[in-house]
Amino acid sequence: MDRSHDKRFFYVESEVIKHFVLGFVASLISSAVLAMVEGKAVVLYFIVYWLYTFPSILVLGCVISYLIERWIVVKSRIANKCLAYLFKFVLYLIGGFVFITLYWVLALGTLPSFRPWNAFISTYAYGFIGALLYLHLYLLYEGAMRFYFSIKRPSSK
């Protein structure tokens, strides 16, 4: 019986679960930070921000992250870890830009046009911060998994 199909299925399933959990944590952290910036009625602002950030990070952020990690980074094969990190950093910034632009197009039906430069920066800062938060949570997860599986455990008899 060929089990290679099952392995691929469980690999894809674990990737989906991993990105779902990372998206959930990223949305919680970003919602909490944005709610604390508001100052008053923190719980109410947290719920409002979370209702917007969770679906958007889950739908667009996880898809963009999956595309970056599995298609672009794997095919680039950068050996130097610093250059690989900078490459991912720039790709996630571009992904944040695409994310906010798609969010504006889907929510308002138009591309954002900003006259003052400050409005442009403040709007896209949410996408950049969210994308970089997701990147660093992803790197933290990958490092924790590498550390967990590198620990030598005594064999049980």
C-alpha atoms as a PDB file:
ATOM      1  CA  MET A   1       0.000   0.000   0.000  1.00  0.00           C
ATOM      2  CA  ASP A   2       1.437   3.371  -1.060  1.00  0.00           C
ATOM      3  CA  ARG A   3       1.520   5.824   1.877  1.00  0.00           C
ATOM      4  CA  SER A   4       3.189   8.732   0.008  1.00  0.00           C
ATOM      5  CA  HIS A   5      -0.207  10.287  -0.717  1.00  0.00           C
ATOM      6  CA  ASP A   6      -1.017  10.250   3.006  1.00  0.00           C
ATOM      7  CA  LYS A   7       2.279  11.956   3.862  1.00  0.00           C
ATOM      8  CA  ARG A   8       1.601  14.766   1.403  1.00  0.00           C
ATOM      9  CA  PHE A   9      -1.914  15.187   2.778  1.00  0.00           C
ATOM     10  CA  PHE A  10      -0.703  15.406   6.373  1.00  0.00           C
ATOM     11  CA  TYR A  11       2.101  17.790   5.373  1.00  0.00           C
ATOM     12  CA  VAL A  12      -0.368  20.170   3.738  1.00  0.00           C
ATOM     13  CA  GLU A  13      -2.749  19.789   6.662  1.00  0.00           C
ATOM     14  CA  SER A  14      -0.004  20.635   9.181  1.00  0.00           C
ATOM     15  CA  GLU A  15       1.024  23.667   7.098  1.00  0.00           C
ATOM     16  CA  VAL A  16      -2.569  24.930   7.089  1.00  0.00           C
ATOM     17  CA  ILE A  17      -2.853  24.439  10.854  1.00  0.00           C
ATOM     18  CA  LYS A  18       0.500  26.161  11.423  1.00  0.00           C
ATOM     19  CA  HIS A  19      -0.475  29.215   9.352  1.00  0.00           C
ATOM     20  CA  PHE A  20      -3.910  29.317  10.986  1.00  0.00           C
ATOM     21  CA  VAL A  21      -2.388  29.350  14.496  1.00  0.00           C
ATOM     22  CA  LEU A  22       0.226  31.942  13.512  1.00  0.00           C
ATOM     23  CA  GLY A  23      -2.471  34.106  11.926  1.00  0.00           C
ATOM     24  CA  PHE A  24      -4.615  33.810  15.039  1.00  0.00           C
ATOM     25  CA  VAL A  25      -1.719  34.818  17.323  1.00  0.00           C
ATOM     26  CA  ALA A  26      -0.678  37.671  15.016  1.00  0.00           C
ATOM     27  CA  SER A  27      -4.237  39.012  14.949  1.00  0.00           C
ATOM     28  CA  LEU A  28      -4.485  38.822  18.750  1.00  0.00           C
ATOM     29  CA  ILE A  29      -1.198  40.669  19.242  1.00  0.00           C
ATOM     30  CA  SER A  30      -1.921  43.350  16.650  1.00  0.00           C
ATOM     31  CA  SER A  31      -5.461  43.875  17.957  1.00  0.00           C
ATOM     32  CA  ALA A  32      -4.199  44.183  21.529  1.00  0.00           C
ATOM     33  CA  VAL A  33      -1.522  46.705  20.548  1.00  0.00           C
ATOM     34  CA  LEU A  34      -3.931  48.778  18.463  1.00  0.00           C
ATOM     35  CA  ALA A  35      -6.534  48.712  21.254  1.00  0.00           C
ATOM     36  CA  MET A  36      -3.991  49.836  23.852  1.00  0.00           C
ATOM     37  CA  VAL A  37      -2.980  52.736  21.606  1.00  0.00           C
ATOM     38  CA  GLU A  38      -6.595  53.965  21.674  1.00  0.00           C
ATOM     39  CA  GLY A  39      -6.346  54.406  25.449  1.00  0.00           C
ATOM     40  CA  LYS A  40      -9.951  54.112  26.633  1.00  0.00           C
ATOM     41  CA  ALA A  41     -12.459  51.269  26.268  1.00  0.00           C
ATOM     42  CA  VAL A  42      -9.631  48.869  25.480  1.00  0.00           C
ATOM     43  CA  VAL A  43     -11.799  45.735  25.453  1.00  0.00           C
ATOM     44  CA  LEU A  44     -14.302  47.253  23.028  1.00  0.00           C
ATOM     45  CA  TYR A  45     -11.548  48.450  20.685  1.00  0.00           C
ATOM     46  CA  PHE A  46      -9.827  45.065  20.960  1.00  0.00           C
ATOM     47  CA  ILE A  47     -12.994  43.268  19.837  1.00  0.00           C
ATOM     48  CA  VAL A  48     -13.530  45.693  16.949  1.00  0.00           C
ATOM     49  CA  TYR A  49      -9.911  45.445  15.790  1.00  0.00           C
ATOM     50  CA  TRP A  50      -9.911  41.675  16.168  1.00  0.00           C
ATOM     51  CA  LEU A  51     -13.083  41.361  14.080  1.00  0.00           C
ATOM     52  CA  TYR A  52     -11.233  43.140  11.259  1.00  0.00           C
ATOM     53  CA  THR A  53      -7.738  41.724  11.669  1.00  0.00           C
ATOM     54  CA  PHE A  54      -8.497  38.035  12.178  1.00  0.00           C
ATOM     55  CA  PRO A  55     -10.350  37.381   8.913  1.00  0.00           C
ATOM     56  CA  SER A  56      -8.017  39.592   6.908  1.00  0.00           C
ATOM     57  CA  ILE A  57      -4.827  38.054   8.326  1.00  0.00           C
ATOM     58  CA  LEU A  58      -6.310  34.586   8.017  1.00  0.00           C
ATOM     59  CA  VAL A  59      -7.428  34.952   4.411  1.00  0.00           C
ATOM     60  CA  LEU A  60      -4.837  37.247   2.869  1.00  0.00           C
ATOM     61  CA  GLY A  61      -1.903  37.094   5.281  1.00  0.00           C
ATOM     62  CA  CYS A  62      -1.698  33.315   5.513  1.00  0.00           C
ATOM     63  CA  VAL A  63      -1.984  32.932   1.746  1.00  0.00           C
ATOM     64  CA  ILE A  64       0.720  35.534   1.101  1.00  0.00           C
ATOM     65  CA  SER A  65       2.961  33.943   3.735  1.00  0.00           C
ATOM     66  CA  TYR A  66       2.476  30.483   2.261  1.00  0.00           C
ATOM     67  CA  LEU A  67       3.319  31.782  -1.219  1.00  0.00           C
ATOM     68  CA  ILE A  68       6.441  33.541   0.052  1.00  0.00           C
ATOM     69  CA  GLU A  69       7.714  30.632   2.145  1.00  0.00           C
ATOM     70  CA  ARG A  70       6.922  27.726  -0.185  1.00  0.00           C
ATOM     71  CA  TRP A  71       7.387  29.193  -3.647  1.00  0.00           C
ATOM     72  CA  ILE A  72       9.717  32.175  -3.582  1.00  0.00           C
ATOM     73  CA  VAL A  73      12.116  31.497  -0.698  1.00  0.00           C
ATOM     74  CA  VAL A  74      12.499  27.785  -1.456  1.00  0.00           C
ATOM     75  CA  LYS A  75      13.298  28.457  -5.113  1.00  0.00           C
ATOM     76  CA  SER A  76      15.745  31.276  -4.339  1.00  0.00           C
ATOM     77  CA  ARG A  77      18.122  29.028  -2.303  1.00  0.00           C
ATOM     78  CA  ILE A  78      20.042  31.792  -0.535  1.00  0.00           C
ATOM     79  CA  ALA A  79      22.771  30.165   1.585  1.00  0.00           C
ATOM     80  CA  ASN A  80      23.721  33.166   3.741  1.00  0.00           C
ATOM     81  CA  LYS A  81      21.292  33.411   6.693  1.00  0.00           C
ATOM     82  CA  CYS A  82      21.504  37.226   6.933  1.00  0.00           C
ATOM     83  CA  LEU A  83      20.740  37.662   3.232  1.00  0.00           C
ATOM     84  CA  ALA A  84      17.932  35.109   3.472  1.00  0.00           C
ATOM     85  CA  TYR A  85      16.445  37.058   6.399  1.00  0.00           C
ATOM     86  CA  LEU A  86      16.704  40.374   4.514  1.00  0.00           C
ATOM     87  CA  PHE A  87      15.163  38.742   1.443  1.00  0.00           C
ATOM     88  CA  LYS A  88      12.217  37.471   3.529  1.00  0.00           C
ATOM     89  CA  PHE A  89      11.972  40.867   5.259  1.00  0.00           C
ATOM     90  CA  VAL A  90      11.598  42.672   1.923  1.00  0.00           C
ATOM     91  CA  LEU A  91       9.180  40.050   0.583  1.00  0.00           C
ATOM     92  CA  TYR A  92       6.974  40.368   3.662  1.00  0.00           C
ATOM     93  CA  LEU A  93       7.027  44.176   3.324  1.00  0.00           C
ATOM     94  CA  ILE A  94       5.884  43.793  -0.279  1.00  0.00           C
ATOM     95  CA  GLY A  95       3.282  41.278   0.917  1.00  0.00           C
ATOM     96  CA  GLY A  96       2.046  43.806   3.506  1.00  0.00           C
ATOM     97  CA  PHE A  97       1.731  46.424   0.774  1.00  0.00           C
ATOM     98  CA  VAL A  98      -0.207  44.007  -1.439  1.00  0.00           C
ATOM     99  CA  PHE A  99      -2.307  42.971   1.567  1.00  0.00           C
ATOM    100  CA  ILE A 100      -3.411  46.538   2.403  1.00  0.00           C
ATOM    101  CA  THR A 101      -4.024  47.375  -1.257  1.00  0.00           C
ATOM    102  CA  LEU A 102      -6.199  44.269  -1.695  1.00  0.00           C
ATOM    103  CA  TYR A 103      -8.012  45.062   1.536  1.00  0.00           C
ATOM    104  CA  TRP A 104      -8.826  48.572   0.263  1.00  0.00           C
ATOM    105  CA  VAL A 105      -9.965  47.243  -3.112  1.00  0.00           C
ATOM    106  CA  LEU A 106     -12.161  44.541  -1.557  1.00  0.00           C
ATOM    107  CA  ALA A 107     -13.606  46.721   1.212  1.00  0.00           C
ATOM    108  CA  LEU A 108     -14.084  50.006  -0.652  1.00  0.00           C
ATOM    109  CA  GLY A 109     -13.969  48.949  -4.273  1.00  0.00           C
ATOM    110  CA  THR A 110     -11.254  51.469  -5.165  1.00  0.00           C
ATOM    111  CA  LEU A 111      -7.525  51.943  -4.889  1.00  0.00           C
ATOM    112  CA  PRO A 112      -6.397  54.252  -2.078  1.00  0.00           C
ATOM    113  CA  SER A 113      -5.262  57.714  -3.155  1.00  0.00           C
ATOM    114  CA  PHE A 114      -3.563  59.905  -0.602  1.00  0.00           C
ATOM    115  CA  ARG A 115      -2.699  63.553  -0.982  1.00  0.00           C
ATOM    116  CA  PRO A 116      -0.597  63.987   2.133  1.00  0.00           C
ATOM    117  CA  TRP A 117       2.319  61.611   2.455  1.00  0.00           C
ATOM    118  CA  ASN A 118       1.524  61.043   6.156  1.00  0.00           C
ATOM    119  CA  ALA A 119      -1.856  59.453   5.339  1.00  0.00           C
ATOM    120  CA  PHE A 120      -0.175  57.047   2.935  1.00  0.00           C
ATOM    121  CA  ILE A 121       2.460  56.025   5.486  1.00  0.00           C
ATOM    122  CA  SER A 122      -0.010  55.638   8.358  1.00  0.00           C
ATOM    123  CA  THR A 123      -2.355  53.464   6.286  1.00  0.00           C
ATOM    124  CA  TYR A 124       0.325  51.175   4.912  1.00  0.00           C
ATOM    125  CA  ALA A 125       2.116  51.005   8.272  1.00  0.00           C
ATOM    126  CA  TYR A 126      -0.619  48.657   9.503  1.00  0.00           C
ATOM    127  CA  GLY A 127       0.129  46.258   6.653  1.00  0.00           C
ATOM    128  CA  PHE A 128       3.887  46.518   7.126  1.00  0.00           C
ATOM    129  CA  ILE A 129       3.697  46.002  10.884  1.00  0.00           C
ATOM    130  CA  GLY A 130       1.269  43.095  10.534  1.00  0.00           C
ATOM    131  CA  ALA A 131       3.394  41.406   7.878  1.00  0.00           C
ATOM    132  CA  LEU A 132       6.606  41.809   9.872  1.00  0.00           C
ATOM    133  CA  LEU A 133       4.871  40.591  13.028  1.00  0.00           C
ATOM    134  CA  TYR A 134       3.743  37.497  11.127  1.00  0.00           C
ATOM    135  CA  LEU A 135       7.274  36.996   9.734  1.00  0.00           C
ATOM    136  CA  HIS A 136       8.880  37.132  13.157  1.00  0.00           C
ATOM    137  CA  LEU A 137       6.253  34.838  14.684  1.00  0.00           C
ATOM    138  CA  TYR A 138       6.925  32.417  11.826  1.00  0.00           C
ATOM    139  CA  LEU A 139      10.687  32.592  12.417  1.00  0.00           C
ATOM    140  CA  LEU A 140      10.152  32.112  16.161  1.00  0.00           C
ATOM    141  CA  TYR A 141       7.974  29.064  15.476  1.00  0.00           C
ATOM    142  CA  GLU A 142      10.517  27.573  13.062  1.00  0.00           C
ATOM    143  CA  GLY A 143      13.356  28.142  15.554  1.00  0.00           C
ATOM    144  CA  ALA A 144      11.356  26.621  18.406  1.00  0.00           C
ATOM    145  CA  MET A 145      10.554  23.545  16.322  1.00  0.00           C
ATOM    146  CA  ARG A 146      14.210  23.152  15.288  1.00  0.00           C
ATOM    147  CA  PHE A 147      15.256  23.427  18.939  1.00  0.00           C
ATOM    148  CA  TYR A 148      12.557  21.012  20.136  1.00  0.00           C
ATOM    149  CA  PHE A 149      13.479  18.324  17.631  1.00  0.00           C
ATOM    150  CA  SER A 150      17.231  18.757  18.197  1.00  0.00           C
ATOM    151  CA  ILE A 151      17.033  17.877  21.900  1.00  0.00           C
ATOM    152  CA  LYS A 152      18.367  14.408  22.638  1.00  0.00           C
ATOM    153  CA  ARG A 153      15.820  12.488  24.661  1.00  0.00           C
ATOM    154  CA  PRO A 154      16.530   9.370  26.649  1.00  0.00           C
ATOM    155  CA  SER A 155      15.038   6.324  25.055  1.00  0.00           C
ATOM    156  CA  SER A 156      12.295   4.710  27.083  1.00  0.00           C
ATOM    157  CA  LYS A 157      12.426   0.951  27.564  1.00  0.00           C
END
